Amino acid sequence: MIDCIKSILLTFAVAAGVSACDNSQTTGPSPSGPVPSPPVTSARSSVAASASAAPTSAAAAASWTGSYKSEAGTLYVPTDVANGKDWKDVKWRGDLSNTGLGDGPMTLAIDPSGRVSGTLAGPLGPALVNGQLAGDKLTASITRQTPSDGGFVGTLVGAIADGKLTGTMKLSQREASVIRSATFSAAKK
């Protein structure tokens, strides 16, 4: 059972949601010897196969420029989950701040392998964007150009459709006292 749990944790580290463990296995040795751990390589292989099954569009490999518009974000704690009712009266209140609000420019570069890099300037910047394009879907992390400045970090999710790259960003300052949501749109240079 311990081997099964280790395998599940390793599998989740490789690809969220992929489990190679058979829950019908019993603990301890079987008449023919110990129960072997499920092969983790099959999960890795399926992740690699799915990544190669959704190649980057050749049309997406280019430089993109655009802009974003950020506004005050919210924090949601679901109450319909285990122990969720314990949080029903908890209200998050961030600092009242105009920091990170407004419009700003962004640039993205997508190489033929689908690797994404770019920058944000303006109210959320200076920040770096690093991620991956799979098919027409883009996911990326947003980090600080100067990590010690305490500025906004977060995630970016987008898609390419009709020659435009559009999506959303969710960010917060280092101590999470100010949360921002942003929408963005970019076109090829």
N, C-alpha and C. Protein backbone atom coordinates (compact mmCIF):
# COMPACT_ATOMS: atom_id res chain seq x y z
N MET A 1 0.82 -1.19 0.00
CA MET A 1 0.00 0.00 0.00
C MET A 1 0.86 1.25 0.00
N ILE A 2 1.99 1.21 0.77
CA ILE A 2 2.91 2.35 0.80
C ILE A 2 3.46 2.60 -0.60
N ASP A 3 3.83 1.51 -1.30
CA ASP A 3 4.34 1.66 -2.66
C ASP A 3 3.29 2.27 -3.57
N CYS A 4 2.04 1.89 -3.36
CA CYS A 4 0.95 2.44 -4.17
C CYS A 4 0.80 3.93 -3.91
N ILE A 5 0.89 4.34 -2.65
CA ILE A 5 0.77 5.76 -2.30
C ILE A 5 1.94 6.54 -2.89
N LYS A 6 3.16 6.00 -2.76
CA LYS A 6 4.33 6.66 -3.34
C LYS A 6 4.17 6.82 -4.84
N SER A 7 3.66 5.78 -5.47
CA SER A 7 3.47 5.83 -6.92
C SER A 7 2.45 6.88 -7.30
N ILE A 8 1.36 6.98 -6.53
CA ILE A 8 0.34 7.99 -6.81
C ILE A 8 0.92 9.38 -6.67
N LEU A 9 1.67 9.63 -5.59
CA LEU A 9 2.26 10.95 -5.39
C LEU A 9 3.24 11.29 -6.50
N LEU A 10 4.07 10.35 -6.89
CA LEU A 10 5.01 10.59 -7.96
C LEU A 10 4.28 10.83 -9.28
N THR A 11 3.24 10.05 -9.51
CA THR A 11 2.47 10.22 -10.73
C THR A 11 1.82 11.60 -10.78
N PHE A 12 1.28 12.07 -9.65
CA PHE A 12 0.69 13.40 -9.62
C PHE A 12 1.74 14.46 -9.84
N ALA A 13 2.94 14.23 -9.37
CA ALA A 13 4.01 15.20 -9.61
C ALA A 13 4.34 15.27 -11.09
N VAL A 14 4.22 14.14 -11.79
CA VAL A 14 4.51 14.11 -13.21
C VAL A 14 3.36 14.69 -14.01
N ALA A 15 2.13 14.30 -13.68
CA ALA A 15 0.97 14.79 -14.42
C ALA A 15 -0.25 14.72 -13.52
N ALA A 16 -0.80 15.86 -13.18
CA ALA A 16 -1.96 15.92 -12.29
C ALA A 16 -3.10 15.13 -12.89
N GLY A 17 -3.71 14.31 -12.05
CA GLY A 17 -4.89 13.57 -12.49
C GLY A 17 -4.60 12.20 -13.08
N VAL A 18 -3.35 11.83 -13.32
CA VAL A 18 -3.02 10.54 -13.90
C VAL A 18 -2.64 9.60 -12.77
N SER A 19 -3.34 8.47 -12.67
CA SER A 19 -3.04 7.51 -11.61
C SER A 19 -2.83 6.14 -12.22
N ALA A 20 -1.68 5.56 -11.92
CA ALA A 20 -1.37 4.22 -12.44
C ALA A 20 -1.55 3.16 -11.37
N CYS A 21 -2.22 3.48 -10.28
CA CYS A 21 -2.34 2.56 -9.16
C CYS A 21 -3.67 1.82 -9.22
N ASP A 22 -3.64 0.53 -9.02
CA ASP A 22 -4.84 -0.28 -8.96
C ASP A 22 -5.26 -0.39 -7.50
N ASN A 23 -6.39 0.18 -7.15
CA ASN A 23 -6.84 0.19 -5.76
C ASN A 23 -7.21 -1.19 -5.24
N SER A 24 -7.29 -2.20 -6.10
CA SER A 24 -7.65 -3.53 -5.65
C SER A 24 -6.45 -4.29 -5.09
N GLN A 25 -5.25 -3.72 -5.17
CA GLN A 25 -4.07 -4.39 -4.63
C GLN A 25 -4.16 -4.45 -3.12
N THR A 26 -3.63 -5.53 -2.57
CA THR A 26 -3.62 -5.67 -1.12
C THR A 26 -2.24 -5.34 -0.59
N THR A 27 -2.19 -5.07 0.71
CA THR A 27 -0.90 -4.79 1.31
C THR A 27 -0.20 -6.09 1.66
N GLY A 28 1.09 -6.01 1.79
CA GLY A 28 1.86 -7.18 2.20
C GLY A 28 2.18 -8.07 1.03
N PRO A 29 2.95 -9.12 1.32
CA PRO A 29 3.37 -10.00 0.23
C PRO A 29 2.23 -10.91 -0.22
N SER A 30 2.23 -11.23 -1.47
CA SER A 30 1.26 -12.19 -2.01
C SER A 30 1.94 -13.56 -2.01
N PRO A 31 1.18 -14.61 -2.31
CA PRO A 31 1.81 -15.93 -2.34
C PRO A 31 3.00 -15.99 -3.29
N SER A 32 3.00 -15.20 -4.33
CA SER A 32 4.11 -15.24 -5.28
C SER A 32 5.17 -14.19 -4.98
N GLY A 33 5.07 -13.49 -3.86
CA GLY A 33 6.07 -12.48 -3.51
C GLY A 33 5.42 -11.12 -3.32
N PRO A 34 6.24 -10.09 -3.10
CA PRO A 34 5.69 -8.76 -2.87
C PRO A 34 4.97 -8.22 -4.10
N VAL A 35 3.98 -7.40 -3.84
CA VAL A 35 3.22 -6.78 -4.92
C VAL A 35 4.08 -5.66 -5.50
N PRO A 36 4.38 -5.71 -6.80
CA PRO A 36 5.24 -4.68 -7.38
C PRO A 36 4.50 -3.35 -7.49
N SER A 37 5.26 -2.29 -7.43
CA SER A 37 4.69 -0.96 -7.63
C SER A 37 4.29 -0.81 -9.08
N PRO A 38 3.19 -0.09 -9.33
CA PRO A 38 2.80 0.13 -10.71
C PRO A 38 3.87 0.94 -11.44
N PRO A 39 4.07 0.70 -12.71
CA PRO A 39 5.11 1.44 -13.44
C PRO A 39 4.71 2.90 -13.63
N VAL A 40 5.59 3.78 -13.21
CA VAL A 40 5.34 5.21 -13.34
C VAL A 40 5.66 5.68 -14.75
N THR A 41 6.52 4.94 -15.44
CA THR A 41 6.91 5.35 -16.78
C THR A 41 5.72 5.43 -17.71
N SER A 42 4.68 4.62 -17.46
CA SER A 42 3.51 4.68 -18.34
C SER A 42 2.81 6.02 -18.21
N ALA A 43 2.79 6.59 -17.01
CA ALA A 43 2.19 7.92 -16.84
C ALA A 43 3.03 8.96 -17.55
N ARG A 44 4.36 8.86 -17.42
CA ARG A 44 5.23 9.80 -18.12
C ARG A 44 5.05 9.68 -19.62
N SER A 45 4.95 8.45 -20.11
CA SER A 45 4.78 8.24 -21.53
C SER A 45 3.48 8.84 -22.03
N SER A 46 2.39 8.69 -21.23
CA SER A 46 1.12 9.24 -21.67
C SER A 46 1.14 10.75 -21.66
N VAL A 47 1.87 11.36 -20.71
CA VAL A 47 1.99 12.81 -20.70
C VAL A 47 2.75 13.27 -21.93
N ALA A 48 3.87 12.60 -22.24
CA ALA A 48 4.65 12.96 -23.41
C ALA A 48 3.85 12.76 -24.68
N ALA A 49 3.07 11.68 -24.73
CA ALA A 49 2.26 11.43 -25.91
C ALA A 49 1.19 12.49 -26.07
N SER A 50 0.54 12.91 -24.97
CA SER A 50 -0.49 13.93 -25.09
C SER A 50 0.10 15.27 -25.46
N ALA A 51 1.33 15.57 -24.99
CA ALA A 51 1.97 16.82 -25.35
C ALA A 51 2.31 16.83 -26.83
N SER A 52 2.76 15.66 -27.34
CA SER A 52 3.10 15.61 -28.76
C SER A 52 1.85 15.50 -29.62
N ALA A 53 0.73 15.08 -29.03
CA ALA A 53 -0.51 14.97 -29.80
C ALA A 53 -1.12 16.33 -30.07
N ALA A 54 -0.73 17.34 -29.30
CA ALA A 54 -1.26 18.68 -29.51
C ALA A 54 -0.11 19.61 -29.88
N PRO A 55 0.42 19.47 -31.10
CA PRO A 55 1.57 20.29 -31.47
C PRO A 55 1.20 21.76 -31.54
N THR A 56 2.22 22.59 -31.40
CA THR A 56 2.03 24.02 -31.50
C THR A 56 1.73 24.38 -32.94
N SER A 57 0.75 25.21 -33.11
CA SER A 57 0.40 25.69 -34.44
C SER A 57 1.58 26.48 -35.00
N ALA A 58 1.97 26.19 -36.23
CA ALA A 58 3.08 26.91 -36.85
C ALA A 58 2.75 28.40 -36.95
N ALA A 59 1.47 28.69 -37.10
CA ALA A 59 1.05 30.09 -37.20
C ALA A 59 1.23 30.82 -35.87
N ALA A 60 1.25 30.09 -34.73
CA ALA A 60 1.38 30.71 -33.42
C ALA A 60 2.82 31.10 -33.12
N ALA A 61 3.79 30.40 -33.75
CA ALA A 61 5.20 30.68 -33.48
C ALA A 61 5.56 32.04 -34.07
N ALA A 62 5.60 33.04 -33.20
CA ALA A 62 5.86 34.40 -33.64
C ALA A 62 5.98 35.31 -32.44
N SER A 63 6.17 36.58 -32.69
CA SER A 63 6.14 37.59 -31.64
C SER A 63 4.76 38.22 -31.61
N TRP A 64 4.26 38.44 -30.41
CA TRP A 64 2.94 39.00 -30.21
C TRP A 64 3.06 40.24 -29.34
N THR A 65 2.30 41.27 -29.64
CA THR A 65 2.24 42.47 -28.79
C THR A 65 0.78 42.76 -28.49
N GLY A 66 0.57 43.32 -27.32
CA GLY A 66 -0.80 43.63 -26.94
C GLY A 66 -0.84 44.43 -25.66
N SER A 67 -1.99 44.37 -25.03
CA SER A 67 -2.16 45.12 -23.78
C SER A 67 -3.08 44.35 -22.86
N TYR A 68 -3.08 44.76 -21.61
CA TYR A 68 -3.95 44.17 -20.60
C TYR A 68 -4.68 45.27 -19.86
N LYS A 69 -5.75 44.90 -19.20
CA LYS A 69 -6.49 45.81 -18.34
C LYS A 69 -6.70 45.07 -17.02
N SER A 70 -6.17 45.65 -15.94
CA SER A 70 -6.29 44.98 -14.64
C SER A 70 -7.28 45.72 -13.75
N GLU A 71 -7.90 44.96 -12.89
CA GLU A 71 -8.88 45.49 -11.93
C GLU A 71 -8.73 44.74 -10.62
N ALA A 72 -9.41 45.21 -9.61
CA ALA A 72 -9.35 44.56 -8.30
C ALA A 72 -9.84 43.12 -8.44
N GLY A 73 -9.13 42.20 -7.85
CA GLY A 73 -9.49 40.79 -7.89
C GLY A 73 -10.21 40.38 -6.62
N THR A 74 -10.71 39.17 -6.62
CA THR A 74 -11.42 38.65 -5.46
C THR A 74 -10.82 37.31 -5.05
N LEU A 75 -11.11 36.92 -3.85
CA LEU A 75 -10.68 35.63 -3.32
C LEU A 75 -11.93 34.86 -2.95
N TYR A 76 -12.04 33.65 -3.41
CA TYR A 76 -13.21 32.83 -3.18
C TYR A 76 -12.82 31.57 -2.43
N VAL A 77 -13.50 31.28 -1.34
CA VAL A 77 -13.30 30.04 -0.60
C VAL A 77 -14.60 29.23 -0.74
N PRO A 78 -14.56 28.09 -1.42
CA PRO A 78 -15.78 27.31 -1.62
C PRO A 78 -16.31 26.77 -0.30
N THR A 79 -17.62 26.81 -0.14
CA THR A 79 -18.23 26.30 1.09
C THR A 79 -18.88 24.94 0.88
N ASP A 80 -18.90 24.45 -0.35
CA ASP A 80 -19.55 23.17 -0.63
C ASP A 80 -18.55 22.02 -0.67
N VAL A 81 -17.43 22.17 0.01
CA VAL A 81 -16.42 21.10 0.10
C VAL A 81 -16.27 20.69 1.57
N ALA A 82 -15.52 19.62 1.80
CA ALA A 82 -15.28 19.18 3.17
C ALA A 82 -14.71 20.33 3.99
N ASN A 83 -15.26 20.57 5.15
CA ASN A 83 -14.87 21.65 6.06
C ASN A 83 -15.10 23.05 5.48
N GLY A 84 -15.76 23.13 4.34
CA GLY A 84 -16.02 24.43 3.72
C GLY A 84 -16.90 25.32 4.56
N LYS A 85 -17.83 24.72 5.29
CA LYS A 85 -18.75 25.51 6.12
C LYS A 85 -18.00 26.24 7.24
N ASP A 86 -16.81 25.73 7.61
CA ASP A 86 -15.99 26.41 8.61
C ASP A 86 -15.54 27.79 8.12
N TRP A 87 -15.56 27.99 6.81
CA TRP A 87 -15.09 29.24 6.22
C TRP A 87 -16.21 30.18 5.83
N LYS A 88 -17.47 29.81 6.04
CA LYS A 88 -18.58 30.60 5.52
C LYS A 88 -18.64 32.01 6.06
N ASP A 89 -18.17 32.25 7.27
CA ASP A 89 -18.21 33.60 7.84
C ASP A 89 -16.89 34.34 7.71
N VAL A 90 -15.91 33.72 7.07
CA VAL A 90 -14.60 34.36 6.90
C VAL A 90 -14.66 35.27 5.68
N LYS A 91 -14.25 36.49 5.84
CA LYS A 91 -14.21 37.45 4.74
C LYS A 91 -12.78 37.92 4.58
N TRP A 92 -12.28 37.87 3.35
CA TRP A 92 -10.94 38.36 3.08
C TRP A 92 -11.04 39.83 2.74
N ARG A 93 -10.20 40.61 3.34
CA ARG A 93 -10.16 42.03 3.02
C ARG A 93 -8.71 42.40 2.77
N GLY A 94 -8.43 42.71 1.54
CA GLY A 94 -7.08 43.13 1.19
C GLY A 94 -6.90 44.60 1.50
N ASP A 95 -5.68 45.04 1.30
CA ASP A 95 -5.38 46.46 1.49
C ASP A 95 -6.12 47.29 0.45
N LEU A 96 -6.59 48.45 0.85
CA LEU A 96 -7.16 49.38 -0.11
C LEU A 96 -5.98 50.03 -0.84
N SER A 97 -5.90 49.78 -2.13
CA SER A 97 -4.76 50.23 -2.89
C SER A 97 -5.13 50.43 -4.34
N ASN A 98 -4.51 51.41 -4.95
CA ASN A 98 -4.68 51.61 -6.39
C ASN A 98 -3.53 50.97 -7.16
N THR A 99 -2.62 50.34 -6.45
CA THR A 99 -1.48 49.68 -7.08
C THR A 99 -1.95 48.57 -8.00
N GLY A 100 -1.38 48.51 -9.18
CA GLY A 100 -1.67 47.42 -10.11
C GLY A 100 -2.97 47.56 -10.87
N LEU A 101 -3.63 48.69 -10.80
CA LEU A 101 -4.88 48.90 -11.53
C LEU A 101 -4.61 49.64 -12.83
N GLY A 102 -5.29 49.25 -13.89
CA GLY A 102 -5.20 50.00 -15.14
C GLY A 102 -4.70 49.20 -16.31
N ASP A 103 -4.31 49.92 -17.35
CA ASP A 103 -3.88 49.33 -18.61
C ASP A 103 -2.36 49.30 -18.69
N GLY A 104 -1.86 48.29 -19.37
CA GLY A 104 -0.42 48.19 -19.57
C GLY A 104 -0.09 47.36 -20.80
N PRO A 105 1.12 47.55 -21.33
CA PRO A 105 1.55 46.79 -22.51
C PRO A 105 2.16 45.44 -22.14
N MET A 106 2.11 44.53 -23.10
CA MET A 106 2.73 43.22 -22.92
C MET A 106 3.29 42.74 -24.25
N THR A 107 4.33 41.94 -24.19
CA THR A 107 4.89 41.29 -25.37
C THR A 107 5.07 39.82 -25.06
N LEU A 108 4.86 39.00 -26.05
CA LEU A 108 5.06 37.55 -25.92
C LEU A 108 5.79 37.04 -27.15
N ALA A 109 6.65 36.07 -26.96
CA ALA A 109 7.31 35.39 -28.06
C ALA A 109 7.05 33.90 -27.90
N ILE A 110 6.61 33.28 -28.99
CA ILE A 110 6.33 31.84 -28.97
C ILE A 110 7.26 31.20 -29.99
N ASP A 111 8.12 30.28 -29.52
CA ASP A 111 9.03 29.63 -30.46
C ASP A 111 8.35 28.41 -31.08
N PRO A 112 8.93 27.82 -32.11
CA PRO A 112 8.29 26.69 -32.79
C PRO A 112 7.98 25.49 -31.89
N SER A 113 8.72 25.33 -30.78
CA SER A 113 8.44 24.21 -29.88
C SER A 113 7.28 24.52 -28.94
N GLY A 114 6.79 25.76 -28.94
CA GLY A 114 5.68 26.15 -28.09
C GLY A 114 6.09 26.86 -26.82
N ARG A 115 7.38 27.03 -26.59
CA ARG A 115 7.85 27.75 -25.39
C ARG A 115 7.49 29.22 -25.52
N VAL A 116 6.93 29.76 -24.43
CA VAL A 116 6.47 31.14 -24.41
C VAL A 116 7.33 31.95 -23.44
N SER A 117 7.73 33.14 -23.86
CA SER A 117 8.43 34.07 -22.99
C SER A 117 7.93 35.46 -23.32
N GLY A 118 8.00 36.35 -22.34
CA GLY A 118 7.53 37.70 -22.61
C GLY A 118 7.67 38.60 -21.41
N THR A 119 7.10 39.80 -21.54
CA THR A 119 7.19 40.80 -20.48
C THR A 119 5.86 41.52 -20.31
N LEU A 120 5.65 42.03 -19.10
CA LEU A 120 4.55 42.93 -18.78
C LEU A 120 5.18 44.23 -18.29
N ALA A 121 4.65 45.35 -18.74
CA ALA A 121 5.06 46.65 -18.23
C ALA A 121 3.80 47.30 -17.65
N GLY A 122 3.88 48.55 -17.28
CA GLY A 122 2.71 49.24 -16.76
C GLY A 122 2.44 48.90 -15.31
N PRO A 123 1.17 48.96 -14.88
CA PRO A 123 0.84 48.80 -13.47
C PRO A 123 1.21 47.45 -12.86
N LEU A 124 1.26 46.38 -13.65
CA LEU A 124 1.60 45.05 -13.13
C LEU A 124 3.09 44.73 -13.31
N GLY A 125 3.82 45.56 -13.99
CA GLY A 125 5.21 45.28 -14.32
C GLY A 125 6.18 46.00 -13.42
N PRO A 126 7.44 45.84 -13.72
CA PRO A 126 7.99 44.99 -14.77
C PRO A 126 7.99 43.52 -14.34
N ALA A 127 7.42 42.69 -15.20
CA ALA A 127 7.28 41.27 -14.89
C ALA A 127 7.66 40.43 -16.11
N LEU A 128 7.99 39.18 -15.85
CA LEU A 128 8.36 38.23 -16.89
C LEU A 128 7.27 37.17 -17.03
N VAL A 129 7.03 36.74 -18.25
CA VAL A 129 6.05 35.69 -18.54
C VAL A 129 6.81 34.49 -19.11
N ASN A 130 6.59 33.31 -18.54
CA ASN A 130 7.23 32.08 -19.02
C ASN A 130 6.20 30.97 -19.00
N GLY A 131 6.03 30.28 -20.15
CA GLY A 131 5.04 29.22 -20.19
C GLY A 131 5.16 28.35 -21.40
N GLN A 132 4.02 27.76 -21.79
CA GLN A 132 3.99 26.80 -22.87
C GLN A 132 2.68 26.93 -23.64
N LEU A 133 2.78 26.78 -24.95
CA LEU A 133 1.62 26.73 -25.83
C LEU A 133 1.46 25.29 -26.28
N ALA A 134 0.29 24.71 -26.08
CA ALA A 134 -0.03 23.36 -26.56
C ALA A 134 -1.26 23.48 -27.42
N GLY A 135 -1.10 23.22 -28.70
CA GLY A 135 -2.20 23.46 -29.63
C GLY A 135 -2.43 24.95 -29.70
N ASP A 136 -3.62 25.38 -29.34
CA ASP A 136 -3.93 26.81 -29.32
C ASP A 136 -4.14 27.32 -27.90
N LYS A 137 -3.80 26.53 -26.88
CA LYS A 137 -3.98 26.91 -25.47
C LYS A 137 -2.64 27.29 -24.86
N LEU A 138 -2.62 28.41 -24.15
CA LEU A 138 -1.40 28.91 -23.54
C LEU A 138 -1.56 28.99 -22.03
N THR A 139 -0.57 28.52 -21.28
CA THR A 139 -0.52 28.70 -19.83
C THR A 139 0.87 29.20 -19.49
N ALA A 140 0.94 30.10 -18.51
CA ALA A 140 2.25 30.67 -18.15
C ALA A 140 2.23 31.17 -16.72
N SER A 141 3.43 31.31 -16.17
CA SER A 141 3.59 31.94 -14.86
C SER A 141 4.10 33.36 -15.09
N ILE A 142 3.75 34.22 -14.16
CA ILE A 142 4.19 35.61 -14.19
C ILE A 142 5.06 35.83 -12.96
N THR A 143 6.30 36.18 -13.18
CA THR A 143 7.25 36.41 -12.09
C THR A 143 7.80 37.82 -12.22
N ARG A 144 8.48 38.26 -11.20
CA ARG A 144 9.05 39.61 -11.18
C ARG A 144 10.35 39.67 -11.95
N GLN A 145 10.55 40.78 -12.65
CA GLN A 145 11.83 41.02 -13.28
C GLN A 145 12.89 41.23 -12.19
N THR A 146 12.49 41.93 -11.12
CA THR A 146 13.34 42.11 -9.95
C THR A 146 12.60 41.48 -8.78
N PRO A 147 12.94 40.24 -8.41
CA PRO A 147 12.18 39.51 -7.39
C PRO A 147 12.01 40.24 -6.05
N SER A 148 12.96 41.07 -5.68
CA SER A 148 12.88 41.73 -4.37
C SER A 148 11.94 42.93 -4.34
N ASP A 149 11.33 43.30 -5.47
CA ASP A 149 10.49 44.50 -5.48
C ASP A 149 9.10 44.29 -4.88
N GLY A 150 8.70 43.04 -4.59
CA GLY A 150 7.42 42.78 -3.95
C GLY A 150 6.21 43.00 -4.84
N GLY A 151 6.41 43.11 -6.14
CA GLY A 151 5.32 43.37 -7.07
C GLY A 151 4.45 42.15 -7.34
N PHE A 152 3.64 42.26 -8.37
CA PHE A 152 2.63 41.25 -8.67
C PHE A 152 3.22 40.02 -9.37
N VAL A 153 2.76 38.84 -8.93
CA VAL A 153 3.10 37.56 -9.53
C VAL A 153 1.81 36.76 -9.70
N GLY A 154 1.82 35.78 -10.60
CA GLY A 154 0.61 34.99 -10.76
C GLY A 154 0.65 34.09 -11.96
N THR A 155 -0.52 33.91 -12.57
CA THR A 155 -0.66 32.99 -13.70
C THR A 155 -1.37 33.68 -14.86
N LEU A 156 -1.13 33.14 -16.04
CA LEU A 156 -1.76 33.62 -17.27
C LEU A 156 -2.32 32.41 -18.00
N VAL A 157 -3.54 32.53 -18.49
CA VAL A 157 -4.18 31.48 -19.27
C VAL A 157 -4.79 32.15 -20.49
N GLY A 158 -4.53 31.58 -21.67
CA GLY A 158 -5.06 32.19 -22.88
C GLY A 158 -5.24 31.19 -23.99
N ALA A 159 -5.73 31.68 -25.12
CA ALA A 159 -5.95 30.84 -26.29
C ALA A 159 -5.80 31.70 -27.55
N ILE A 160 -5.41 31.03 -28.62
CA ILE A 160 -5.31 31.70 -29.92
C ILE A 160 -6.54 31.32 -30.72
N ALA A 161 -7.24 32.33 -31.21
CA ALA A 161 -8.40 32.11 -32.07
C ALA A 161 -8.52 33.29 -33.02
N ASP A 162 -8.79 33.01 -34.26
CA ASP A 162 -8.98 34.05 -35.28
C ASP A 162 -7.81 35.02 -35.34
N GLY A 163 -6.59 34.51 -35.18
CA GLY A 163 -5.40 35.34 -35.29
C GLY A 163 -5.13 36.24 -34.10
N LYS A 164 -5.88 36.07 -33.01
CA LYS A 164 -5.66 36.86 -31.80
C LYS A 164 -5.37 35.94 -30.63
N LEU A 165 -4.56 36.45 -29.71
CA LEU A 165 -4.25 35.75 -28.48
C LEU A 165 -4.96 36.50 -27.36
N THR A 166 -5.91 35.86 -26.69
CA THR A 166 -6.67 36.50 -25.62
C THR A 166 -6.69 35.61 -24.40
N GLY A 167 -6.91 36.23 -23.24
CA GLY A 167 -6.99 35.44 -22.03
C GLY A 167 -7.09 36.27 -20.78
N THR A 168 -6.78 35.63 -19.65
CA THR A 168 -6.88 36.27 -18.35
C THR A 168 -5.61 36.05 -17.54
N MET A 169 -5.41 36.93 -16.57
CA MET A 169 -4.31 36.79 -15.62
C MET A 169 -4.87 36.95 -14.22
N LYS A 170 -4.34 36.19 -13.28
CA LYS A 170 -4.68 36.28 -11.86
C LYS A 170 -3.37 36.53 -11.12
N LEU A 171 -3.31 37.64 -10.36
CA LEU A 171 -2.06 38.02 -9.72
C LEU A 171 -2.28 38.53 -8.31
N SER A 172 -1.22 38.49 -7.53
CA SER A 172 -1.24 39.11 -6.21
C SER A 172 0.15 39.61 -5.88
N GLN A 173 0.21 40.54 -4.94
CA GLN A 173 1.51 40.97 -4.45
C GLN A 173 2.09 39.87 -3.59
N ARG A 174 3.35 39.99 -3.29
CA ARG A 174 4.09 38.94 -2.56
C ARG A 174 3.37 38.49 -1.30
N GLU A 175 2.83 39.40 -0.52
CA GLU A 175 2.17 39.02 0.74
C GLU A 175 0.67 38.79 0.55
N ALA A 176 0.18 38.82 -0.70
CA ALA A 176 -1.22 38.56 -1.06
C ALA A 176 -2.20 39.54 -0.42
N SER A 177 -1.75 40.72 -0.07
CA SER A 177 -2.66 41.71 0.49
C SER A 177 -3.39 42.50 -0.59
N VAL A 178 -2.92 42.41 -1.83
CA VAL A 178 -3.57 43.07 -2.96
C VAL A 178 -3.67 42.04 -4.08
N ILE A 179 -4.91 41.80 -4.56
CA ILE A 179 -5.16 40.82 -5.61
C ILE A 179 -5.68 41.54 -6.84
N ARG A 180 -5.21 41.12 -8.01
CA ARG A 180 -5.64 41.71 -9.27
C ARG A 180 -6.04 40.63 -10.26
N SER A 181 -7.06 40.95 -11.07
CA SER A 181 -7.46 40.14 -12.21
C SER A 181 -7.29 41.00 -13.43
N ALA A 182 -6.89 40.39 -14.54
CA ALA A 182 -6.68 41.17 -15.76
C ALA A 182 -7.13 40.36 -16.96
N THR A 183 -7.56 41.05 -17.99
CA THR A 183 -7.83 40.45 -19.28
C THR A 183 -6.79 40.99 -20.25
N PHE A 184 -6.43 40.22 -21.26
CA PHE A 184 -5.46 40.70 -22.22
C PHE A 184 -5.82 40.27 -23.63
N SER A 185 -5.24 40.99 -24.58
CA SER A 185 -5.40 40.68 -26.00
C SER A 185 -4.10 41.05 -26.69
N ALA A 186 -3.64 40.19 -27.61
CA ALA A 186 -2.41 40.45 -28.34
C ALA A 186 -2.56 39.99 -29.77
N ALA A 187 -1.80 40.62 -30.66
CA ALA A 187 -1.79 40.28 -32.08
C ALA A 187 -0.34 40.07 -32.50
N LYS A 188 -0.13 39.36 -33.60
CA LYS A 188 1.23 39.14 -34.10
C LYS A 188 1.81 40.47 -34.54
N LYS A 189 3.12 40.59 -34.33
CA LYS A 189 3.85 41.78 -34.80
C LYS A 189 3.93 41.75 -36.31
